[in-house]
């Protein structure tokens, strides 16, 4: 058989061309799919960007001409950012500050217009300060973040030192200690962030543990934490007794905490006085001014509610929020927060609006008062149950820790120690101790038992203690003396809490007196203004009586504003007296109810409703 070459060559060339075309199609389809995949990835990346990132990009684009040169003229901004929790450049901070300033300009103009419309010409002068304050606030974002970082570390420091003492007593190296802390987000969220920063220097930048700890002392905003880390590094370098240093530092931190609680109580007292002056005294003054301008002028046919709306609906909530923030910065807070009362409160918020706008046969201020009381009552009940259980558990915690230290001196293991204490009376903690003892006797691992206990108890102090007990079992550390120190601290903390409450209790009562004064003053003022045989300059005769509908308008406006003001003051009273706004729900409910009762009594004694 012979092969015809001239005929086969063209066929081979055609087949090669077809193969090449198929390869090109496959390659182009793969390339297209790759491009589609890349575009999808880009879309996902865009979707993952947070609101703050989008805001930062917008700020940089808007103010790029100013933010770059200004960032070079403020070199201290870089150090402030390194000491904060922010991951942003100095140029980004300046861009955000300038954006805040631009946003504040319309509010400044609106404020100037309102002051001009109301006739408060002197109020126009400070209005440009709104933009200045926005710029200053934007530039101070790193310092605010650093302050938040410092306070969070300070709140965790006593228990953190106790935890490190347990690990050091068990022979755990500093590097492993840092790794363990970095995973303890549920108990030590702020310290876990610091540990991850130190691990970044070790694992990414190649520093050893001692050098990384030394670097952390330079960029840690909390002085106590910085001193503690610096002293710990010095002990490790010289080969000293780390456990003795940690135990002595623990006592020092406890003493510092005691002095801070007392100083914060004095500060809260000062702030309470300032708040009462700015709300109660100014509220009564504004109401008198309102009555004078709207009711004591001849020929009045309607009432202008702008002044009361601006004061009760805008000024009081804003000044209350400022006071809550300032007071909160001086208080010692726990990393754990119970948010259910706030969620219930938000869910019940429409009740106030529903009562306010429903056509019910009662005055507007009564509808608002009942609506506000019903809004905060469910949250009050839930927070009351939570606080009661929390206090019952924490009340006997120091006794439980002290008993553990005593039994541990006999050489018993922690599991057997807890079993020995199961029969003792620890109040609200007893049932938890008995459950732990029962589960341990059944052979359940102590890690599982204490983890379940920690999840069931809504108290950060108790959770921290359970975490420390678990670490004692894991590493074999934790001397009885250390548990005695922790028990002393828990007991001192409870005593200081009682002392703090006794110091601020008079300031919690003042809002109640203030609410009664505002409502009673309003009632008496309306009565005397509408009393017969009353004459005013400009009236045509000897007697002047405003029309009944004008008086009713004034009553509705004044009492509606005073009810809302009393409710807001209750939230601040809870923050001052019991450290959380959730504790203020009961005060807010009580103040509204007292205001309603005061109006009812005033109606019995003097008729404040014009006929």
Protein backbone atom coordinates (compact mmCIF):
# COMPACT_ATOMS: atom_id res chain seq x y z
CA UNK A 1 0.00 0.00 0.00
CA UNK A 2 1.44 3.33 -1.03
CA UNK A 3 0.89 6.65 0.80
CA UNK A 4 -0.20 9.63 -1.25
CA UNK A 5 1.71 12.47 0.50
CA UNK A 6 0.32 15.41 -1.47
CA UNK A 7 -3.27 14.47 -0.39
CA UNK A 8 -2.52 13.70 3.29
CA UNK A 9 -0.55 16.90 4.04
CA UNK A 10 -3.48 19.31 3.48
CA UNK A 11 -5.69 17.06 5.64
CA UNK A 12 -3.13 17.13 8.45
CA UNK A 13 -2.81 20.91 8.18
CA UNK A 14 -6.60 21.29 8.38
CA UNK A 15 -6.80 19.04 11.43
CA UNK A 16 -4.00 21.02 13.10
CA UNK A 17 -5.82 24.27 12.41
CA UNK A 18 -9.02 22.85 13.91
CA UNK A 19 -7.13 21.72 17.00
CA UNK A 20 -5.52 25.14 17.37
CA UNK A 21 -8.90 26.84 17.04
CA UNK A 22 -10.39 24.54 19.69
CA UNK A 23 -7.45 25.31 22.02
CA UNK A 24 -7.92 29.02 21.45
CA UNK A 25 -11.62 28.73 22.24
CA UNK A 26 -10.89 26.75 25.40
CA UNK A 27 -8.22 29.23 26.48
CA UNK A 28 -10.45 32.22 25.77
CA UNK A 29 -13.36 30.61 27.62
CA UNK A 30 -11.07 29.88 30.58
CA UNK A 31 -9.78 33.43 30.43
CA UNK A 32 -13.33 34.77 30.35
CA UNK A 33 -14.33 32.57 33.24
CA UNK A 34 -11.22 33.71 35.08
CA UNK A 35 -12.15 37.32 34.42
CA UNK A 36 -15.68 36.62 35.56
CA UNK A 37 -14.33 34.95 38.69
CA UNK A 38 -12.03 37.91 39.27
CA UNK A 39 -14.91 40.34 38.86
CA UNK A 40 -16.99 38.28 41.26
CA UNK A 41 -14.14 38.35 43.77
CA UNK A 42 -13.88 42.10 43.38
CA UNK A 43 -17.62 42.43 43.91
CA UNK A 44 -17.39 40.30 47.05
CA UNK A 45 -14.51 42.44 48.30
CA UNK A 46 -16.60 45.53 47.71
CA UNK A 47 -19.49 43.96 49.57
CA UNK A 48 -17.27 43.10 52.52
CA UNK A 49 -16.25 46.72 53.04
CA UNK A 50 -17.83 48.28 56.11
CA UNK A 51 -19.58 51.63 56.38
CA UNK A 52 -16.55 53.14 58.16
CA UNK A 53 -14.29 52.09 55.28
CA UNK A 54 -16.60 53.66 52.72
CA UNK A 55 -16.77 56.82 54.85
CA UNK A 56 -12.97 56.93 55.06
CA UNK A 57 -12.62 56.59 51.28
CA UNK A 58 -15.18 59.35 50.74
CA UNK A 59 -13.40 61.58 53.24
CA UNK A 60 -10.02 61.03 51.58
CA UNK A 61 -11.41 61.82 48.14
CA UNK A 62 -13.23 64.91 49.39
CA UNK A 63 -10.38 66.45 51.42
CA UNK A 64 -7.24 65.06 49.75
CA UNK A 65 -5.95 68.56 48.99
CA UNK A 66 -5.86 69.48 52.70
CA UNK A 67 -5.39 66.17 54.55
CA UNK A 68 -1.99 65.33 53.05
CA UNK A 69 -0.15 68.57 53.89
CA UNK A 70 -1.82 68.79 57.33
CA UNK A 71 -0.74 65.25 58.25
CA UNK A 72 2.91 66.29 57.82
CA UNK A 73 2.45 69.24 60.18
CA UNK A 74 0.99 67.10 63.02
CA UNK A 75 3.68 64.46 63.73
CA UNK A 76 2.25 63.68 67.19
CA UNK A 77 -0.82 62.18 65.49
CA UNK A 78 1.15 59.06 64.56
CA UNK A 79 2.04 58.35 68.20
CA UNK A 80 -1.58 58.87 69.23
CA UNK A 81 -2.73 56.35 66.61
CA UNK A 82 -0.17 53.75 67.77
CA UNK A 83 -1.55 54.07 71.32
CA UNK A 84 -5.15 53.70 70.16
CA UNK A 85 -7.25 50.82 68.81
CA UNK A 86 -7.39 52.37 65.35
CA UNK A 87 -5.93 50.93 62.16
CA UNK A 88 -5.75 54.13 60.14
CA UNK A 89 -3.18 56.58 58.84
CA UNK A 90 -2.75 60.17 60.09
CA UNK A 91 -4.01 61.40 56.73
CA UNK A 92 -7.20 59.37 57.22
CA UNK A 93 -7.84 60.88 60.66
CA UNK A 94 -7.42 64.41 59.33
CA UNK A 95 -9.71 63.62 56.38
CA UNK A 96 -12.45 62.39 58.73
CA UNK A 97 -12.03 65.48 60.94
CA UNK A 98 -12.42 67.76 57.91
CA UNK A 99 -15.46 65.76 56.76
CA UNK A 100 -17.08 66.19 60.19
CA UNK A 101 -16.43 69.92 59.90
CA UNK A 102 -18.13 70.11 56.48
CA UNK A 103 -21.13 68.14 57.75
CA UNK A 104 -21.49 70.47 60.75
CA UNK A 105 -21.76 73.61 58.61
CA UNK A 106 -25.49 73.14 57.72
CA UNK A 107 -26.30 72.53 61.40
CA UNK A 108 -24.40 75.69 62.32
CA UNK A 109 -26.39 77.71 59.78
CA UNK A 110 -29.67 76.18 60.97
CA UNK A 111 -28.82 77.02 64.58
CA UNK A 112 -27.98 80.62 63.67
CA UNK A 113 -31.28 80.94 61.80
CA UNK A 114 -33.30 79.52 64.73
CA UNK A 115 -31.59 81.86 67.20
CA UNK A 116 -32.34 84.81 64.91
CA UNK A 117 -35.96 83.70 64.48
CA UNK A 118 -36.47 83.31 68.23
CA UNK A 119 -34.82 86.67 68.92
CA UNK A 120 -31.86 85.25 70.87
CA UNK A 121 -29.27 87.34 69.02
CA UNK A 122 -26.53 86.58 71.54
CA UNK A 123 -27.01 82.89 70.75
CA UNK A 124 -25.81 83.48 67.18
CA UNK A 125 -22.28 84.33 68.36
CA UNK A 126 -21.28 80.86 69.68
CA UNK A 127 -22.85 78.98 66.75
CA UNK A 128 -19.60 78.85 64.69
CA UNK A 129 -18.13 76.86 67.58
CA UNK A 130 -20.12 73.86 66.29
CA UNK A 131 -17.76 73.51 63.31
CA UNK A 132 -14.71 74.15 65.48
CA UNK A 133 -15.83 71.47 67.94
CA UNK A 134 -16.42 69.03 65.05
CA UNK A 135 -12.86 69.58 63.82
CA UNK A 136 -11.37 69.23 67.31
CA UNK A 137 -13.43 66.09 67.98
CA UNK A 138 -12.28 64.54 64.70
CA UNK A 139 -8.60 65.22 65.42
CA UNK A 140 -9.00 63.78 68.93
CA UNK A 141 -10.49 60.47 67.78
CA UNK A 142 -7.15 58.64 68.40
CA UNK A 143 -6.92 60.07 71.93
CA UNK A 144 -10.52 59.06 72.65
CA UNK A 145 -9.78 55.57 71.34
CA UNK A 146 -6.59 55.38 73.44
CA UNK A 147 -8.55 56.43 76.52
CA UNK A 148 -11.12 53.70 75.84
CA UNK A 149 -8.32 51.18 75.39
CA UNK A 150 -6.70 52.26 78.66
CA UNK A 151 -9.91 52.07 80.70
CA UNK A 152 -10.77 48.63 79.30
CA UNK A 153 -7.33 47.33 80.30
CA UNK A 154 -7.62 48.86 83.75
CA UNK A 155 -10.95 47.15 84.39
CA UNK A 156 -9.47 43.73 83.59
CA UNK A 157 -6.08 44.23 85.21
CA UNK A 158 -6.66 42.69 88.69
CA UNK A 159 -8.07 39.45 87.30
CA UNK A 160 -5.52 39.41 84.47
CA UNK A 161 -2.64 39.56 86.96
CA UNK A 162 -4.30 36.77 88.92
CA UNK A 163 -4.50 34.69 85.73
CA UNK A 164 -0.82 35.30 84.90
CA UNK A 165 0.06 34.39 88.50
CA UNK A 166 -1.71 31.05 88.07
CA UNK A 167 0.20 30.33 84.85
CA UNK A 168 3.54 31.43 86.33
CA UNK A 169 2.93 29.24 89.38
CA UNK A 170 2.46 26.29 87.02
CA UNK A 171 5.76 26.95 85.25
CA UNK A 172 4.25 28.29 82.01
CA UNK A 173 6.67 30.36 79.91
CA UNK A 174 5.90 34.01 79.03
CA UNK A 175 5.37 33.15 75.34
CA UNK A 176 2.80 30.45 76.11
CA UNK A 177 1.16 32.82 78.62
CA UNK A 178 0.76 35.45 75.91
CA UNK A 179 -0.75 32.86 73.54
CA UNK A 180 -3.22 31.73 76.20
CA UNK A 181 -4.29 35.31 76.94
CA UNK A 182 -4.79 36.00 73.22
CA UNK A 183 -7.45 33.24 73.14
CA UNK A 184 -9.31 34.40 76.28
CA UNK A 185 -11.58 36.89 74.47
CA UNK A 186 -14.68 36.01 76.48
CA UNK A 187 -13.05 36.83 79.84
CA UNK A 188 -10.34 39.36 78.93
CA UNK A 189 -11.34 41.01 75.62
CA UNK A 190 -9.04 44.04 76.00
CA UNK A 191 -6.05 42.00 77.26
CA UNK A 192 -6.58 39.50 74.43
CA UNK A 193 -6.16 42.33 71.91
CA UNK A 194 -2.95 43.42 73.62
CA UNK A 195 -1.66 39.84 73.56
CA UNK A 196 -2.36 39.58 69.84
CA UNK A 197 -0.43 42.81 69.25
CA UNK A 198 2.54 41.33 71.12
CA UNK A 199 2.27 38.05 69.17
CA UNK A 200 2.29 40.04 65.94
CA UNK A 201 5.67 41.50 66.90
CA UNK A 202 6.96 38.03 67.78
CA UNK A 203 5.63 35.93 64.90
CA UNK A 204 5.66 38.49 62.08
CA UNK A 205 8.44 40.95 62.96
CA UNK A 206 10.71 38.34 64.57
CA UNK A 207 11.10 39.86 68.04
CA UNK A 208 11.65 37.64 71.06
CA UNK A 209 9.04 37.61 73.84
CA UNK A 210 11.00 39.95 76.15
CA UNK A 211 11.63 42.53 73.39
CA UNK A 212 7.99 42.39 72.29
CA UNK A 213 6.84 43.00 75.87
CA UNK A 214 9.24 45.95 76.19
CA UNK A 215 7.84 47.42 72.97
CA UNK A 216 4.30 46.98 74.31
CA UNK A 217 5.14 49.16 77.34
CA UNK A 218 5.94 52.07 75.02
CA UNK A 219 2.62 52.01 73.13
CA UNK A 220 0.24 50.97 75.90
CA UNK A 221 -1.93 53.94 76.97
CA UNK A 222 -2.67 52.55 80.46
CA UNK A 223 0.04 53.52 82.98
CA UNK A 224 -0.73 50.71 85.43
CA UNK A 225 -0.58 48.09 82.69
CA UNK A 226 2.63 49.57 81.32
CA UNK A 227 4.26 49.57 84.78
CA UNK A 228 3.13 45.99 85.37
CA UNK A 229 4.58 44.74 82.06
CA UNK A 230 7.81 46.73 82.61
CA UNK A 231 8.31 45.28 86.09
CA UNK A 232 7.49 41.76 84.86
CA UNK A 233 10.09 42.07 82.09
CA UNK A 234 12.69 43.30 84.60
CA UNK A 235 12.01 40.30 86.87
CA UNK A 236 12.31 37.89 83.94
CA UNK A 237 15.58 39.46 82.82
CA UNK A 238 17.19 39.31 86.25
CA UNK A 239 15.86 35.84 87.03
CA UNK A 240 13.85 36.98 90.06
CA UNK A 241 10.81 35.35 91.63
CA UNK A 242 8.04 36.14 89.14
CA UNK A 243 5.25 34.71 91.31
CA UNK A 244 6.15 36.92 94.29
CA UNK A 245 6.28 39.96 92.02
CA UNK A 246 2.87 39.13 90.53
CA UNK A 247 1.25 38.64 93.94
CA UNK A 248 2.65 41.94 95.25
CA UNK A 249 1.50 43.70 92.08
CA UNK A 250 -1.95 42.22 92.56
CA UNK A 251 -2.27 43.87 95.98
CA UNK A 252 -0.98 47.15 94.57
CA UNK A 253 -3.60 47.10 91.81
CA UNK A 254 -6.33 46.36 94.36
CA UNK A 255 -5.29 49.39 96.45
CA UNK A 256 -5.28 51.58 93.34
CA UNK A 257 -8.76 50.33 92.44
CA UNK A 258 -10.00 51.26 95.90
CA UNK A 259 -8.75 54.84 95.62
CA UNK A 260 -10.18 55.15 92.11
CA UNK A 261 -13.65 54.07 93.25
CA UNK A 262 -13.65 56.79 95.91
CA UNK A 263 -12.40 59.47 93.53
CA UNK A 264 -14.95 58.47 90.87
CA UNK A 265 -17.76 58.72 93.47
CA UNK A 266 -16.71 62.28 94.25
CA UNK A 267 -16.56 63.09 90.54
CA UNK A 268 -20.04 61.64 89.98
CA UNK A 269 -21.33 63.79 92.85
CA UNK A 270 -19.94 66.92 91.19
CA UNK A 271 -21.42 65.94 87.83
CA UNK A 272 -24.79 65.23 89.46
CA UNK A 273 -24.91 68.75 90.88
CA UNK A 274 -24.06 70.21 87.48
CA UNK A 275 -26.73 68.07 85.79
CA UNK A 276 -29.44 69.10 88.23
CA UNK A 277 -28.60 72.77 87.70
CA UNK A 278 -28.65 72.41 83.91
CA UNK A 279 -31.97 70.52 83.79
CA UNK A 280 -34.16 71.28 86.81
CA UNK A 281 -33.17 74.91 87.44
CA UNK A 282 -32.96 75.79 83.75
CA UNK A 283 -36.19 73.85 83.11
CA UNK A 284 -38.13 75.90 85.66
CA UNK A 285 -36.59 79.12 84.30
CA UNK A 286 -37.57 78.23 80.72
CA UNK A 287 -41.11 77.38 81.77
CA UNK A 288 -41.51 80.70 83.59
CA UNK A 289 -40.12 82.51 80.55
CA UNK A 290 -42.50 80.54 78.32
CA UNK A 291 -45.51 81.46 80.48
CA UNK A 292 -44.44 85.10 80.61
CA UNK A 293 -44.05 85.44 76.84
CA UNK A 294 -47.18 83.46 75.87
CA UNK A 295 -49.74 84.05 78.64
CA UNK A 296 -48.93 87.40 80.24
CA UNK A 297 -49.30 89.45 77.11
CA UNK A 298 -52.55 91.09 76.06
CA UNK A 299 -54.25 89.76 72.94
CA UNK A 300 -52.63 86.32 72.90
CA UNK A 301 -54.57 83.97 70.61
CA UNK A 302 -52.15 81.00 70.33
CA UNK A 303 -49.15 79.50 72.06
CA UNK A 304 -45.75 79.03 70.40
CA UNK A 305 -44.29 75.67 71.61
CA UNK A 306 -40.85 76.15 70.02
CA UNK A 307 -39.04 77.12 73.23
CA UNK A 308 -40.30 74.10 75.22
CA UNK A 309 -39.74 71.70 72.31
CA UNK A 310 -36.16 72.95 71.89
CA UNK A 311 -35.45 72.62 75.62
CA UNK A 312 -37.28 69.43 76.64
CA UNK A 313 -37.09 67.60 73.32
CA UNK A 314 -33.56 68.56 72.21
CA UNK A 315 -31.47 70.22 74.92
CA UNK A 316 -32.34 67.85 77.78
CA UNK A 317 -31.71 64.60 75.79
CA UNK A 318 -28.44 65.94 74.37
CA UNK A 319 -27.11 67.22 77.71
CA UNK A 320 -28.23 63.95 79.34
CA UNK A 321 -26.32 61.93 76.76
CA UNK A 322 -23.22 64.04 77.39
CA UNK A 323 -23.50 63.54 81.15
CA UNK A 324 -24.03 59.78 80.73
CA UNK A 325 -20.90 59.57 78.57
CA UNK A 326 -18.78 61.65 80.95
CA UNK A 327 -19.98 59.76 84.03
CA UNK A 328 -19.41 56.44 82.27
CA UNK A 329 -15.80 57.37 81.52
CA UNK A 330 -15.14 57.79 85.27
CA UNK A 331 -16.85 54.57 86.33
CA UNK A 332 -15.26 51.13 86.57
CA UNK A 333 -16.99 48.89 84.04
CA UNK A 334 -17.02 45.15 83.52
CA UNK A 335 -16.19 43.63 80.10
CA UNK A 336 -19.46 41.68 80.20
CA UNK A 337 -22.72 43.50 79.50
CA UNK A 338 -26.27 42.17 79.73
CA UNK A 339 -28.09 43.61 76.72
CA UNK A 340 -31.53 41.99 77.04
CA UNK A 341 -33.10 44.98 78.92
CA UNK A 342 -31.97 47.33 76.14
CA UNK A 343 -33.38 45.04 73.42
CA UNK A 344 -36.70 44.77 75.27
CA UNK A 345 -36.75 48.56 75.69
CA UNK A 346 -36.18 49.09 71.95
CA UNK A 347 -38.91 46.58 71.18
CA UNK A 348 -41.34 48.43 73.45
CA UNK A 349 -40.48 51.91 72.15
CA UNK A 350 -43.45 52.01 69.70
CA UNK A 351 -45.79 51.83 72.73
CA UNK A 352 -45.02 55.46 73.63
CA UNK A 353 -45.67 56.63 70.06
CA UNK A 354 -48.86 54.56 69.92
CA UNK A 355 -50.26 56.11 73.10
CA UNK A 356 -49.17 59.59 72.05
CA UNK A 357 -50.97 59.55 68.69
CA UNK A 358 -54.04 57.42 69.53
CA UNK A 359 -57.26 59.45 69.86
CA UNK A 360 -57.85 58.50 73.50
CA UNK A 361 -60.14 60.59 75.77
CA UNK A 362 -57.36 61.99 77.93
CA UNK A 363 -54.90 64.92 77.79
CA UNK A 364 -51.86 64.64 75.55
CA UNK A 365 -49.41 64.76 78.47
CA UNK A 366 -51.26 61.93 80.24
CA UNK A 367 -51.06 59.78 77.12
CA UNK A 368 -47.33 60.51 76.81
CA UNK A 369 -46.73 59.72 80.49
CA UNK A 370 -48.54 56.38 80.34
CA UNK A 371 -46.82 55.49 77.07
CA UNK A 372 -43.34 56.26 78.46
CA UNK A 373 -44.06 54.28 81.64
CA UNK A 374 -45.27 51.26 79.66
CA UNK A 375 -42.22 51.51 77.38
CA UNK A 376 -39.68 51.25 80.20
CA UNK A 377 -41.58 48.91 82.55
CA UNK A 378 -40.79 45.57 80.78
CA UNK A 379 -37.08 46.45 80.62
CA UNK A 380 -37.25 47.43 84.31
CA UNK A 381 -38.61 44.00 85.26
CA UNK A 382 -36.02 42.09 83.25
CA UNK A 383 -33.13 44.17 84.58
CA UNK A 384 -34.42 43.79 88.16
CA UNK A 385 -34.41 39.98 87.86
CA UNK A 386 -30.92 40.02 86.35
CA UNK A 387 -29.47 42.33 89.03
CA UNK A 388 -31.07 40.34 91.84
CA UNK A 389 -29.58 37.05 90.60
CA UNK A 390 -26.20 38.64 89.92
CA UNK A 391 -25.95 40.13 93.39
CA UNK A 392 -27.04 36.85 95.01
CA UNK A 393 -24.19 35.01 93.25
CA UNK A 394 -21.53 37.65 93.86
CA UNK A 395 -22.47 38.23 97.52
CA UNK A 396 -20.97 34.91 98.66
CA UNK A 397 -18.21 34.67 96.05
CA UNK A 398 -15.50 35.97 98.40
CA UNK A 399 -16.51 33.43 101.08
CA UNK A 400 -16.38 30.64 98.51
CA UNK A 401 -12.88 31.67 97.36
CA UNK A 402 -11.66 32.00 100.92
CA UNK A 403 -12.96 28.50 101.73
CA UNK A 404 -11.22 27.13 98.63
CA UNK A 405 -7.92 28.59 99.81
CA UNK A 406 -8.39 27.05 103.28
CA UNK A 407 -9.25 23.59 101.97
CA UNK A 408 -6.45 23.78 99.39
CA UNK A 409 -3.95 24.09 102.24
CA UNK A 410 -4.71 20.45 103.11
CA UNK A 411 -3.38 19.39 99.73
CA UNK A 412 -6.69 18.38 98.12
CA UNK A 413 -7.12 18.72 94.36
CA UNK A 414 -9.45 21.49 93.14
CA UNK A 415 -12.15 18.92 92.19
CA UNK A 416 -12.16 17.42 95.67
CA UNK A 417 -12.02 20.89 97.21
CA UNK A 418 -15.26 21.91 95.47
CA UNK A 419 -16.92 18.64 96.49
CA UNK A 420 -15.98 19.33 100.11
CA UNK A 421 -17.66 22.75 99.93
CA UNK A 422 -20.89 21.60 98.24
CA UNK A 423 -22.75 21.25 101.55
CA UNK A 424 -22.09 24.81 102.75
CA UNK A 425 -24.53 27.69 102.40
CA UNK A 426 -23.43 30.27 99.82
CA UNK A 427 -26.77 31.94 99.18
CA UNK A 428 -27.49 32.31 95.46
CA UNK A 429 -24.18 30.61 94.66
CA UNK A 430 -25.10 27.40 96.54
CA UNK A 431 -27.09 25.79 93.76
CA UNK A 432 -24.26 26.37 91.29
CA UNK A 433 -21.67 24.88 93.67
CA UNK A 434 -23.91 21.85 94.23
CA UNK A 435 -24.38 21.38 90.47
CA UNK A 436 -20.63 21.57 89.91
CA UNK A 437 -19.99 19.09 92.73
CA UNK A 438 -22.61 16.65 91.39
CA UNK A 439 -21.21 16.75 87.85
CA UNK A 440 -17.66 16.26 89.12
CA UNK A 441 -18.73 13.26 91.21
CA UNK A 442 -20.29 11.72 88.08
CA UNK A 443 -16.93 11.92 86.34
CA UNK A 444 -17.64 14.90 84.09
CA UNK A 445 -14.40 16.70 83.15
CA UNK A 446 -13.92 19.86 85.21
CA UNK A 447 -13.31 21.90 82.05
CA UNK A 448 -16.79 21.01 80.80
CA UNK A 449 -18.35 21.61 84.21
CA UNK A 450 -16.80 25.05 84.72
CA UNK A 451 -17.49 26.06 81.11
CA UNK A 452 -21.18 25.25 81.58
CA UNK A 453 -21.18 27.14 84.88
CA UNK A 454 -19.53 30.18 83.29
CA UNK A 455 -22.10 30.20 80.48
CA UNK A 456 -25.07 29.96 82.88
CA UNK A 457 -23.97 32.79 85.20
CA UNK A 458 -24.54 36.35 83.94
CA UNK A 459 -21.74 37.80 86.07
CA UNK A 460 -18.31 38.66 84.72
CA UNK A 461 -16.64 38.47 88.16
CA UNK A 462 -17.97 34.95 88.70
CA UNK A 463 -16.97 33.94 85.17
CA UNK A 464 -13.45 35.22 85.75
CA UNK A 465 -13.19 33.19 88.94
CA UNK A 466 -14.43 30.05 87.19
CA UNK A 467 -11.85 30.65 84.46
CA UNK A 468 -9.08 30.97 87.06
CA UNK A 469 -10.16 27.76 88.78
CA UNK A 470 -10.03 25.98 85.46
CA UNK A 471 -6.50 27.23 84.78
CA UNK A 472 -5.45 26.04 88.24
CA UNK A 473 -6.47 22.53 87.23
CA UNK A 474 -4.79 22.75 83.84
CA UNK A 475 -1.39 24.05 84.92
CA UNK A 476 -1.30 23.11 88.61
CA UNK A 477 -0.60 26.67 89.77
CA UNK A 478 -2.50 29.00 92.03
CA UNK A 479 -1.30 29.20 95.58
CA UNK A 480 -3.82 29.51 98.45
CA UNK A 481 -2.38 32.96 99.13
CA UNK A 482 -3.38 34.08 95.64
CA UNK A 483 -6.98 32.96 96.19
CA UNK A 484 -7.02 34.80 99.51
CA UNK A 485 -5.92 37.96 97.65
CA UNK A 486 -8.68 37.49 95.07
CA UNK A 487 -11.21 36.88 97.84
CA UNK A 488 -10.05 40.06 99.60
CA UNK A 489 -10.41 42.01 96.37
CA UNK A 490 -13.91 40.65 95.73
CA UNK A 491 -14.93 41.57 99.28
CA UNK A 492 -13.36 45.03 99.03
CA UNK A 493 -15.05 45.57 95.69
CA UNK A 494 -18.45 44.76 97.23
CA UNK A 495 -17.78 47.11 100.16
CA UNK A 496 -16.65 49.88 97.84
CA UNK A 497 -19.77 49.38 95.75
CA UNK A 498 -21.90 49.89 98.86
CA UNK A 499 -19.86 52.97 99.79
CA UNK A 500 -20.22 54.36 96.28
CA UNK A 501 -23.99 53.90 96.37
CA UNK A 502 -24.23 55.61 99.74
CA UNK A 503 -22.21 58.56 98.39
CA UNK A 504 -24.30 59.05 95.25
CA UNK A 505 -27.70 58.15 96.74
CA UNK A 506 -28.55 61.80 97.58
CA UNK A 507 -27.91 62.73 93.96
CA UNK A 508 -30.24 59.96 92.77
CA UNK A 509 -33.04 61.38 94.97
CA UNK A 510 -32.58 64.90 93.57
CA UNK A 511 -34.11 64.06 90.13
CA UNK A 512 -37.24 62.86 91.93
CA UNK A 513 -37.49 66.15 93.79
CA UNK A 514 -36.69 68.02 90.59
CA UNK A 515 -39.45 66.26 88.61
CA UNK A 516 -42.02 67.03 91.31
CA UNK A 517 -40.86 70.67 91.42
CA UNK A 518 -41.12 71.09 87.65
CA UNK A 519 -44.65 69.64 87.47
CA UNK A 520 -45.86 71.42 90.64
CA UNK A 521 -44.36 74.74 89.52
CA UNK A 522 -46.07 74.38 86.15
CA UNK A 523 -49.43 73.65 87.79
CA UNK A 524 -49.23 76.59 90.21
CA UNK A 525 -48.00 78.95 87.51
CA UNK A 526 -50.89 78.05 85.21
CA UNK A 527 -53.35 78.46 88.08
CA UNK A 528 -52.12 81.91 89.08
CA UNK A 529 -51.91 83.09 85.47
CA UNK A 530 -55.53 82.05 84.85
CA UNK A 531 -56.80 83.33 88.24
CA UNK A 532 -59.54 86.01 88.17
CA UNK A 533 -58.99 89.65 89.16
CA UNK A 534 -55.58 89.61 87.52
CA UNK A 535 -54.37 92.52 85.38
CA UNK A 536 -51.26 92.96 83.26
CA UNK A 537 -49.65 95.90 81.52
CA UNK A 538 -51.27 96.41 78.17
CA UNK A 539 -54.65 94.95 79.13
CA UNK A 540 -57.74 97.04 78.29
CA UNK A 541 -59.43 96.66 81.69
CA UNK A 542 -58.70 95.86 85.27
CA UNK A 543 -59.19 92.15 84.72
CA UNK A 544 -57.28 90.06 82.25
CA UNK A 545 -57.91 86.36 81.68
CA UNK A 546 -56.34 84.49 78.74
CA UNK A 547 -58.82 82.55 76.61
CA UNK A 548 -59.45 79.02 77.92
CA UNK A 549 -58.11 77.33 74.77
CA UNK A 550 -54.83 79.29 75.11
CA UNK A 551 -54.45 78.16 78.73
CA UNK A 552 -55.18 74.54 77.74
CA UNK A 553 -52.56 74.75 74.99
CA UNK A 554 -50.02 76.05 77.49
CA UNK A 555 -50.89 73.32 80.02
CA UNK A 556 -50.49 70.60 77.36
CA UNK A 557 -47.15 71.94 76.11
CA UNK A 558 -45.63 72.53 79.55
CA UNK A 559 -46.71 69.25 81.14
CA UNK A 560 -45.81 67.20 78.05
CA UNK A 561 -42.32 68.68 78.12
CA UNK A 562 -41.97 68.18 81.89
CA UNK A 563 -43.08 64.50 81.67
CA UNK A 564 -40.56 63.75 78.94
CA UNK A 565 -37.86 65.64 80.86
CA UNK A 566 -38.58 63.64 84.04
CA UNK A 567 -38.34 60.37 82.09
CA UNK A 568 -34.94 61.31 80.62
CA UNK A 569 -33.70 62.39 84.06
CA UNK A 570 -34.54 58.92 85.38
CA UNK A 571 -32.15 57.31 82.89
CA UNK A 572 -29.35 59.62 84.06
CA UNK A 573 -30.19 58.86 87.71
CA UNK A 574 -29.66 55.14 87.03
CA UNK A 575 -26.30 55.80 85.40
CA UNK A 576 -25.19 57.97 88.33
CA UNK A 577 -26.38 55.69 91.09
CA UNK A 578 -25.98 52.17 89.69
CA UNK A 579 -23.53 52.52 86.80
CA UNK A 580 -25.77 51.47 83.88
CA UNK A 581 -28.55 53.10 81.88
CA UNK A 582 -30.49 49.83 82.23
CA UNK A 583 -30.74 50.55 85.97
CA UNK A 584 -32.24 53.91 85.02
CA UNK A 585 -35.33 52.31 83.45
CA UNK A 586 -36.89 51.85 86.89
CA UNK A 587 -36.11 55.46 87.85
CA UNK A 588 -37.56 56.72 84.56
CA UNK A 589 -40.76 54.71 85.12
CA UNK A 590 -41.02 55.89 88.73
CA UNK A 591 -40.48 59.55 87.81
CA UNK A 592 -43.20 59.48 85.15
CA UNK A 593 -45.64 57.83 87.58
CA UNK A 594 -44.77 60.42 90.25
CA UNK A 595 -45.34 63.20 87.70
CA UNK A 596 -48.77 61.77 86.84
CA UNK A 597 -49.68 61.53 90.54
CA UNK A 598 -48.45 65.09 91.12
CA UNK A 599 -50.68 66.41 88.33
CA UNK A 600 -53.65 64.46 89.73
CA UNK A 601 -53.08 65.87 93.23
CA UNK A 602 -52.65 69.37 91.79
CA UNK A 603 -55.99 68.98 89.99
CA UNK A 604 -57.64 68.05 93.28
CA UNK A 605 -56.14 71.00 95.13
CA UNK A 606 -56.27 73.62 92.38
CA UNK A 607 -58.06 73.38 89.08
CA UNK A 608 -55.30 73.70 86.45
CA UNK A 609 -57.62 73.07 83.51
CA UNK A 610 -59.42 76.02 82.04
CA UNK A 611 -63.09 75.54 81.32
